[in-house]
Amino acid sequence: MQKVGILGGGQLGRMLLQAAANYPVETYVLENDAECPSAHLCRHFVKGDIRDYDAVYQFGKNLDALTIEIENVNVDALEALEAEGVKVFPKPSVLRIIKNKILQKQYYQHHSIPTAAFAVLEGRHQLGDWPHLIPGVQKLATGGYDGKGVQIIENPGQFSEGFDDHSVLEKKVDLQKEIALIVAVGQDGKTALYPPVEMVFNPNLNLLDFQLCPAYISRDVLWKIEAIALSVVRNFNSPGLFAVELFVDRNDDVFVNETAPRVHNSGHHTIEAHYSSQFDMLWRVILGYPLGNTKAILPSALVNVIGAAGHSGPVHYAGLEEVLAMDNVFVHLYGKKDTKPGRKMGHVTILSNEKQELIHKANGIKQALEVQAK
């Protein structure tokens, strides 16, 4: 039985552990919070900081393999462990590129992967040096997550609001749709693509509002998306699971936005809606099994359950019974004891052959279910 460690104990780790129950694997989790969503589902919990070299090295040195549920990990420790024979999914070389937005954009540029025009900045004083990139999106090189570390700059009057740190300034894309596509890469180099999903964002929180699968796009756009996503992961030369986020502009041109080297919010619907979920798939990759079937059983929608504005403290899910009474609706709560505004507390997946029913139920769930503090 292989010993596999997960760096990070949030909801992604929790769902990965739920899928691990089907496989011959002994699970370990490293996380600072002993009450984290993953703590009670793993075989062995170790309290420690995933950003600390010694904590990560000591955690991983006696394991067969490691994976991550968040990019903000100590890559130096993972490189040392890899050199000693511990398998790391994805490889530390991939994490080093992806966790830095500057290196990530340069990676796309180097491999001729279409991405929005960009410039590298040392601070906000350089925003005015790139007038052709305004309106633009400024992203901190490191540390940004879930909409944090991203600033939209519409005009020169907003330069003073920009980040005064190493960052990327990207030309704003005239957006038609935002798409995510998950690619699995096996240890033998074989790949499997999930159907792309179409994401609808909350403009205030810059978080996913709800998503639809499959994305409603033309066959030509689908082919572009699949080809570009494969070129992104092919050049990583690493097994693992990768969520490639892409923009489709008004001319049906496709650009890579960002890549996540792990299971991802845009793949949560696969638990019920697909034959092999993204979590099942990652275990297949880590344990060296054949890749699973990515086909959809039914079309789906996904709604994030997010902490309501003005509510901080012990969580209460108002309207939960109403949602649970709906047909073909599946609720996942992440076991977080406290809510705060904008915090991801769970998700709901809806299955239906009818697009309008998916949208109608998604909107109904958003109105019925509110994450409050007791």
Protein backbone atom coordinates (compact mmCIF):
# COMPACT_ATOMS: atom_id res chain seq x y z
CA MET A 1 0.00 0.00 0.00
CA GLN A 2 1.50 3.31 -1.08
CA LYS A 3 1.93 6.14 1.39
CA VAL A 4 0.80 9.40 -0.19
CA GLY A 5 0.90 12.86 1.38
CA ILE A 6 -1.25 15.89 0.55
CA LEU A 7 0.19 19.34 1.20
CA GLY A 8 -2.73 21.47 2.38
CA GLY A 9 -5.88 20.48 4.24
CA GLY A 10 -8.66 22.51 2.65
CA GLN A 11 -11.73 21.36 0.74
CA LEU A 12 -9.73 20.11 -2.24
CA GLY A 13 -7.80 17.80 0.05
CA ARG A 14 -11.06 16.73 1.69
CA MET A 15 -12.62 15.66 -1.61
CA LEU A 16 -9.37 13.98 -2.67
CA LEU A 17 -9.46 11.98 0.56
CA GLN A 18 -13.08 10.99 -0.04
CA ALA A 19 -12.01 9.49 -3.38
CA ALA A 20 -8.97 7.83 -1.78
CA ALA A 21 -11.26 5.48 0.15
CA ASN A 22 -11.65 3.47 -3.08
CA TYR A 23 -7.93 2.78 -3.48
CA PRO A 24 -5.11 0.94 -1.67
CA VAL A 25 -3.44 4.06 -0.32
CA GLU A 26 -2.41 5.28 3.13
CA THR A 27 -3.08 9.01 3.31
CA TYR A 28 -1.17 11.77 5.10
CA VAL A 29 -2.03 15.48 5.34
CA LEU A 30 0.21 18.42 6.31
CA GLU A 31 -1.66 21.54 7.43
CA ASN A 32 -1.32 24.18 10.15
CA ASP A 33 -4.98 24.00 11.23
CA ALA A 34 -5.92 20.85 13.15
CA GLU A 35 -9.61 21.64 12.46
CA CYS A 36 -9.17 21.95 8.68
CA PRO A 37 -11.65 20.22 6.33
CA SER A 38 -9.22 17.36 5.62
CA ALA A 39 -8.04 16.63 9.18
CA HIS A 40 -10.55 13.94 10.10
CA LEU A 41 -10.60 12.09 6.76
CA CYS A 42 -6.91 11.22 6.40
CA ARG A 43 -5.14 8.27 8.03
CA HIS A 44 -2.36 10.49 9.44
CA PHE A 45 -2.58 14.22 10.16
CA VAL A 46 0.59 16.26 10.70
CA LYS A 47 0.36 19.83 11.97
CA GLY A 48 2.82 22.06 10.14
CA ASP A 49 3.34 24.88 7.67
CA ILE A 50 3.36 23.80 4.02
CA ARG A 51 5.52 26.88 3.25
CA ASP A 52 8.27 25.80 5.65
CA TYR A 53 11.19 23.81 4.23
CA ASP A 54 11.79 21.61 7.27
CA ALA A 55 8.08 20.90 7.81
CA VAL A 56 7.59 19.78 4.19
CA TYR A 57 10.84 17.81 4.05
CA GLN A 58 10.22 15.93 7.30
CA PHE A 59 6.61 15.25 6.28
CA GLY A 60 7.57 13.82 2.90
CA LYS A 61 10.83 11.97 3.45
CA ASN A 62 9.24 8.62 4.37
CA LEU A 63 6.38 8.76 1.86
CA ASP A 64 6.11 7.23 -1.60
CA ALA A 65 4.47 10.24 -3.22
CA LEU A 66 3.25 13.78 -2.58
CA THR A 67 0.66 16.01 -4.16
CA ILE A 68 -0.68 19.50 -3.44
CA GLU A 69 -4.06 21.13 -3.01
CA ILE A 70 -2.68 24.67 -3.15
CA GLU A 71 0.34 26.13 -4.96
CA ASN A 72 1.71 28.05 -2.00
CA VAL A 73 4.10 25.28 -0.88
CA ASN A 74 7.84 25.08 -0.28
CA VAL A 75 9.19 24.03 -3.66
CA ASP A 76 12.81 23.76 -2.45
CA ALA A 77 11.79 20.98 -0.06
CA LEU A 78 9.85 19.21 -2.81
CA GLU A 79 12.91 19.33 -5.09
CA ALA A 80 15.05 17.79 -2.33
CA LEU A 81 12.47 15.04 -1.79
CA GLU A 82 12.19 14.39 -5.53
CA ALA A 83 15.98 14.00 -5.72
CA GLU A 84 15.71 11.35 -2.98
CA GLY A 85 13.13 9.33 -4.90
CA VAL A 86 9.81 10.65 -3.61
CA LYS A 87 7.38 11.11 -6.50
CA VAL A 88 5.82 14.59 -6.58
CA PHE A 89 2.62 15.34 -8.55
CA PRO A 90 3.07 17.63 -10.34
CA LYS A 91 6.85 17.90 -10.52
CA PRO A 92 8.39 20.74 -8.46
CA SER A 93 9.69 22.30 -11.69
CA VAL A 94 6.06 22.86 -12.73
CA LEU A 95 5.13 24.38 -9.38
CA ARG A 96 8.06 26.78 -9.58
CA ILE A 97 6.72 28.11 -12.88
CA ILE A 98 3.04 28.22 -11.98
CA LYS A 99 3.23 29.76 -8.51
CA ASN A 100 4.87 32.87 -10.01
CA LYS A 101 2.58 34.73 -12.43
CA ILE A 102 5.59 36.31 -14.18
CA LEU A 103 7.23 32.94 -14.86
CA GLN A 104 3.88 31.46 -15.86
CA LYS A 105 3.24 34.15 -18.49
CA GLN A 106 6.81 33.86 -19.78
CA TYR A 107 6.32 30.09 -20.07
CA TYR A 108 3.31 30.63 -22.37
CA GLN A 109 5.26 33.17 -24.40
CA HIS A 110 8.32 30.90 -24.72
CA HIS A 111 6.22 27.97 -25.98
CA SER A 112 4.13 30.13 -28.37
CA ILE A 113 0.96 29.44 -26.40
CA PRO A 114 -1.59 32.21 -27.03
CA THR A 115 -2.06 34.45 -24.00
CA ALA A 116 -2.99 38.11 -23.50
CA ALA A 117 -0.25 40.67 -24.23
CA PHE A 118 1.60 41.51 -21.02
CA ALA A 119 4.44 43.39 -19.35
CA VAL A 120 6.43 42.63 -16.20
CA LEU A 121 6.34 45.39 -13.57
CA GLU A 122 8.40 46.08 -10.46
CA GLY A 123 5.75 48.39 -8.99
CA ARG A 124 2.81 50.67 -9.72
CA HIS A 125 5.14 53.47 -10.93
CA GLN A 126 5.57 51.49 -14.17
CA LEU A 127 1.87 51.21 -15.02
CA GLY A 128 2.11 54.32 -17.17
CA ASP A 129 4.93 52.85 -19.26
CA TRP A 130 2.55 50.49 -21.05
CA PRO A 131 -0.39 52.58 -22.36
CA HIS A 132 -1.25 49.95 -24.99
CA LEU A 133 -2.02 47.47 -22.16
CA ILE A 134 -4.66 49.74 -20.59
CA PRO A 135 -7.41 48.78 -19.85
CA GLY A 136 -5.54 45.93 -18.24
CA VAL A 137 -5.40 43.47 -15.39
CA GLN A 138 -2.55 43.67 -12.87
CA LYS A 139 -1.68 40.43 -11.07
CA LEU A 140 0.77 40.06 -8.21
CA ALA A 141 3.63 37.73 -9.12
CA THR A 142 3.14 35.63 -6.00
CA GLY A 143 0.62 35.19 -3.22
CA GLY A 144 -2.59 35.87 -5.11
CA TYR A 145 -5.41 33.33 -4.71
CA ASP A 146 -9.16 33.13 -5.32
CA GLY A 147 -9.50 36.61 -6.75
CA LYS A 148 -7.02 38.20 -4.32
CA GLY A 149 -3.91 39.77 -5.80
CA VAL A 150 -5.78 40.83 -8.96
CA GLN A 151 -6.56 44.45 -9.82
CA ILE A 152 -8.40 45.72 -12.89
CA ILE A 153 -6.93 48.99 -14.20
CA GLU A 154 -9.45 50.63 -16.53
CA ASN A 155 -7.71 54.00 -16.98
CA PRO A 156 -4.68 56.06 -15.84
CA GLY A 157 -6.74 57.50 -13.00
CA GLN A 158 -6.52 54.10 -11.29
CA PHE A 159 -2.73 53.78 -11.42
CA SER A 160 -2.49 54.85 -7.77
CA GLU A 161 -4.65 51.84 -6.80
CA GLY A 162 -2.26 49.38 -8.48
CA PHE A 163 -0.04 46.92 -6.61
CA ASP A 164 3.35 48.33 -5.66
CA ASP A 165 5.20 45.06 -6.07
CA HIS A 166 6.47 42.62 -8.70
CA SER A 167 3.52 41.89 -10.94
CA VAL A 168 2.22 41.26 -14.44
CA LEU A 169 0.11 43.77 -16.36
CA GLU A 170 -2.06 42.02 -18.96
CA LYS A 171 -4.09 43.58 -21.72
CA LYS A 172 -7.77 43.11 -20.88
CA VAL A 173 -9.41 40.64 -23.27
CA ASP A 174 -12.72 41.60 -24.92
CA LEU A 175 -14.33 38.62 -23.27
CA GLN A 176 -17.05 36.49 -24.81
CA LYS A 177 -16.69 33.48 -22.48
CA GLU A 178 -14.40 32.19 -19.77
CA ILE A 179 -13.66 28.48 -20.05
CA ALA A 180 -11.84 25.91 -17.94
CA LEU A 181 -10.62 22.55 -19.14
CA ILE A 182 -9.03 19.87 -16.95
CA VAL A 183 -6.32 17.66 -18.40
CA ALA A 184 -4.98 14.51 -16.75
CA VAL A 185 -1.46 13.33 -17.58
CA GLY A 186 -0.52 9.81 -16.58
CA GLN A 187 2.91 8.61 -15.51
CA ASP A 188 3.22 7.05 -18.97
CA GLY A 189 2.54 10.43 -20.62
CA LYS A 190 -0.94 9.53 -21.82
CA THR A 191 -3.53 12.32 -21.54
CA ALA A 192 -7.26 12.56 -20.92
CA LEU A 193 -9.34 15.71 -21.38
CA TYR A 194 -12.54 16.55 -19.55
CA PRO A 195 -15.24 18.44 -21.46
CA PRO A 196 -14.69 22.19 -21.03
CA VAL A 197 -16.87 24.14 -18.61
CA GLU A 198 -18.22 27.64 -19.03
CA MET A 199 -17.71 29.88 -16.02
CA VAL A 200 -19.90 32.75 -14.88
CA PHE A 201 -18.17 34.99 -12.34
CA ASN A 202 -19.39 37.12 -9.47
CA PRO A 203 -18.14 40.58 -10.52
CA ASN A 204 -17.87 41.83 -6.93
CA LEU A 205 -15.87 38.94 -5.42
CA ASN A 206 -14.06 37.83 -8.61
CA LEU A 207 -15.08 34.29 -7.60
CA LEU A 208 -16.96 31.71 -9.64
CA ASP A 209 -20.71 32.35 -9.43
CA PHE A 210 -21.84 29.24 -11.26
CA GLN A 211 -20.64 27.14 -14.17
CA LEU A 212 -22.11 24.99 -16.93
CA CYS A 213 -20.78 21.76 -18.42
CA PRO A 214 -20.43 21.28 -21.27
CA ALA A 215 -19.54 24.82 -22.33
CA TYR A 216 -21.80 26.19 -25.03
CA ILE A 217 -19.19 26.81 -27.72
CA SER A 218 -18.75 25.99 -31.42
CA ARG A 219 -16.81 22.92 -32.53
CA ASP A 220 -14.03 25.14 -33.92
CA VAL A 221 -13.61 26.90 -30.56
CA LEU A 222 -13.66 23.52 -28.78
CA TRP A 223 -10.83 22.25 -30.99
CA LYS A 224 -8.78 25.40 -30.30
CA ILE A 225 -9.34 25.07 -26.56
CA GLU A 226 -8.34 21.40 -26.50
CA ALA A 227 -5.24 21.95 -28.64
CA ILE A 228 -4.07 24.90 -26.53
CA ALA A 229 -4.71 23.11 -23.21
CA LEU A 230 -2.72 20.09 -24.43
CA SER A 231 0.17 22.31 -25.48
CA VAL A 232 0.21 23.89 -22.02
CA VAL A 233 0.54 20.58 -20.18
CA ARG A 234 2.74 18.84 -22.77
CA ASN A 235 5.56 21.30 -22.18
CA PHE A 236 5.45 20.76 -18.41
CA ASN A 237 6.71 17.20 -18.95
CA SER A 238 5.00 16.13 -15.74
CA PRO A 239 2.26 13.72 -14.73
CA GLY A 240 -0.58 15.21 -12.74
CA LEU A 241 -3.91 16.97 -13.08
CA PHE A 242 -4.03 20.45 -14.59
CA ALA A 243 -6.89 22.94 -14.82
CA VAL A 244 -6.30 25.31 -17.74
CA GLU A 245 -8.36 28.52 -17.60
CA LEU A 246 -8.93 30.21 -20.94
CA PHE A 247 -10.57 33.30 -22.43
CA VAL A 248 -12.61 33.27 -25.64
CA ASP A 249 -12.82 36.76 -27.14
CA ARG A 250 -15.47 38.29 -29.42
CA ASN A 251 -13.60 37.00 -32.49
CA ASP A 252 -13.57 33.41 -31.16
CA ASP A 253 -9.83 33.62 -30.52
CA VAL A 254 -8.65 31.68 -27.46
CA PHE A 255 -6.07 32.79 -24.89
CA VAL A 256 -4.71 31.01 -21.82
CA ASN A 257 -5.43 32.94 -18.63
CA GLU A 258 -3.85 30.77 -15.94
CA THR A 259 -3.13 27.13 -15.13
CA ALA A 260 -3.69 25.39 -11.79
CA PRO A 261 -1.47 22.32 -11.27
CA ARG A 262 -4.00 20.46 -9.14
CA VAL A 263 -7.64 19.54 -8.68
CA HIS A 264 -9.71 22.67 -9.12
CA ASN A 265 -13.02 24.37 -8.35
CA SER A 266 -13.96 24.12 -12.03
CA GLY A 267 -13.91 20.30 -11.75
CA HIS A 268 -16.07 19.72 -8.67
CA HIS A 269 -19.10 18.81 -10.80
CA THR A 270 -17.24 15.73 -12.04
CA ILE A 271 -17.97 13.93 -8.73
CA GLU A 272 -21.57 13.22 -9.80
CA ALA A 273 -21.64 14.31 -13.44
CA HIS A 274 -18.74 12.28 -14.91
CA TYR A 275 -17.71 8.62 -14.89
CA SER A 276 -14.32 9.41 -13.36
CA SER A 277 -14.18 12.52 -11.15
CA GLN A 278 -11.14 14.78 -11.12
CA PHE A 279 -10.33 13.42 -7.65
CA ASP A 280 -10.61 9.80 -8.76
CA MET A 281 -8.45 10.68 -11.76
CA LEU A 282 -5.65 12.18 -9.69
CA TRP A 283 -5.44 9.01 -7.58
CA ARG A 284 -5.20 6.99 -10.78
CA VAL A 285 -2.27 9.19 -11.86
CA ILE A 286 -0.48 9.06 -8.49
CA LEU A 287 -0.89 5.30 -8.09
CA GLY A 288 0.06 4.53 -11.69
CA TYR A 289 -3.32 3.15 -12.77
CA PRO A 290 -4.94 3.64 -16.19
CA LEU A 291 -6.62 7.01 -16.66
CA GLY A 292 -10.37 7.09 -16.08
CA ASN A 293 -13.30 7.90 -18.38
CA THR A 294 -13.79 11.68 -18.53
CA LYS A 295 -17.13 11.59 -20.36
CA ALA A 296 -20.15 13.25 -18.80
CA ILE A 297 -22.99 11.09 -17.54
CA LEU A 298 -25.28 14.12 -17.80
CA PRO A 299 -24.81 17.85 -18.40
CA SER A 300 -24.34 19.77 -15.16
CA ALA A 301 -24.20 23.10 -13.42
CA LEU A 302 -22.25 23.99 -10.31
CA VAL A 303 -22.99 26.68 -7.73
CA ASN A 304 -20.43 27.71 -5.15
CA VAL A 305 -21.75 28.09 -1.59
CA ILE A 306 -20.10 31.27 -0.36
CA GLY A 307 -20.22 33.09 2.98
CA ALA A 308 -22.81 35.88 2.90
CA ALA A 309 -21.86 39.53 3.33
CA GLY A 310 -22.10 40.73 6.90
CA HIS A 311 -21.85 37.23 8.40
CA SER A 312 -18.77 36.14 10.36
CA GLY A 313 -18.69 33.39 12.98
CA PRO A 314 -20.04 29.85 13.54
CA VAL A 315 -21.79 28.77 10.35
CA HIS A 316 -25.50 28.20 9.73
CA TYR A 317 -26.85 27.13 6.32
CA ALA A 318 -30.20 28.87 5.88
CA GLY A 319 -32.39 27.18 3.24
CA LEU A 320 -30.41 23.93 3.18
CA GLU A 321 -33.50 21.70 3.46
CA GLU A 322 -35.16 23.49 0.53
CA VAL A 323 -32.13 22.78 -1.67
CA LEU A 324 -31.87 19.16 -0.52
CA ALA A 325 -35.50 18.65 -1.56
CA MET A 326 -34.68 19.46 -5.20
CA ASP A 327 -34.34 16.59 -7.68
CA ASN A 328 -30.90 15.78 -9.11
CA VAL A 329 -29.19 18.29 -6.84
CA PHE A 330 -26.12 17.28 -4.81
CA VAL A 331 -24.87 19.34 -1.87
CA HIS A 332 -21.25 19.29 -0.70
CA LEU A 333 -20.41 21.17 2.49
CA TYR A 334 -16.73 21.47 3.32
CA GLY A 335 -16.85 21.09 7.09
CA LYS A 336 -15.62 24.61 7.86
CA LYS A 337 -16.90 25.60 11.29
CA ASP A 338 -16.76 29.37 10.76
CA THR A 339 -17.99 31.49 7.90
CA LYS A 340 -16.91 34.92 6.73
CA PRO A 341 -17.95 37.04 3.73
CA GLY A 342 -16.77 35.51 0.46
CA ARG A 343 -15.38 32.30 2.01
CA LYS A 344 -15.99 29.11 0.03
CA MET A 345 -18.07 26.88 2.30
CA GLY A 346 -19.32 24.28 -0.16
CA HIS A 347 -20.74 23.68 -3.61
CA VAL A 348 -23.91 22.32 -5.17
CA THR A 349 -24.00 20.26 -8.38
CA ILE A 350 -27.12 20.05 -10.56
CA LEU A 351 -27.70 17.41 -13.25
CA SER A 352 -30.10 17.79 -16.18
CA ASN A 353 -30.29 17.27 -19.93
CA GLU A 354 -31.93 20.70 -20.24
CA LYS A 355 -29.73 23.81 -20.16
CA GLN A 356 -32.60 26.04 -19.03
CA GLU A 357 -33.33 23.74 -16.10
CA LEU A 358 -29.68 23.87 -15.05
CA ILE A 359 -29.69 27.67 -15.11
CA HIS A 360 -33.10 27.91 -13.42
CA LYS A 361 -32.08 25.59 -10.58
CA ALA A 362 -28.68 27.28 -10.21
CA ASN A 363 -30.40 30.64 -9.72
CA GLY A 364 -32.97 29.05 -7.38
CA ILE A 365 -30.21 27.56 -5.22
CA LYS A 366 -28.39 30.89 -5.03
CA GLN A 367 -31.61 32.53 -3.79
CA ALA A 368 -32.62 29.75 -1.39
CA LEU A 369 -29.29 28.92 0.27
CA GLU A 370 -27.54 31.56 2.37
CA VAL A 371 -24.44 30.97 4.48
CA GLN A 372 -25.07 32.86 7.72
CA ALA A 373 -23.40 33.13 11.10
CA LYS A 374 -25.39 31.71 14.00
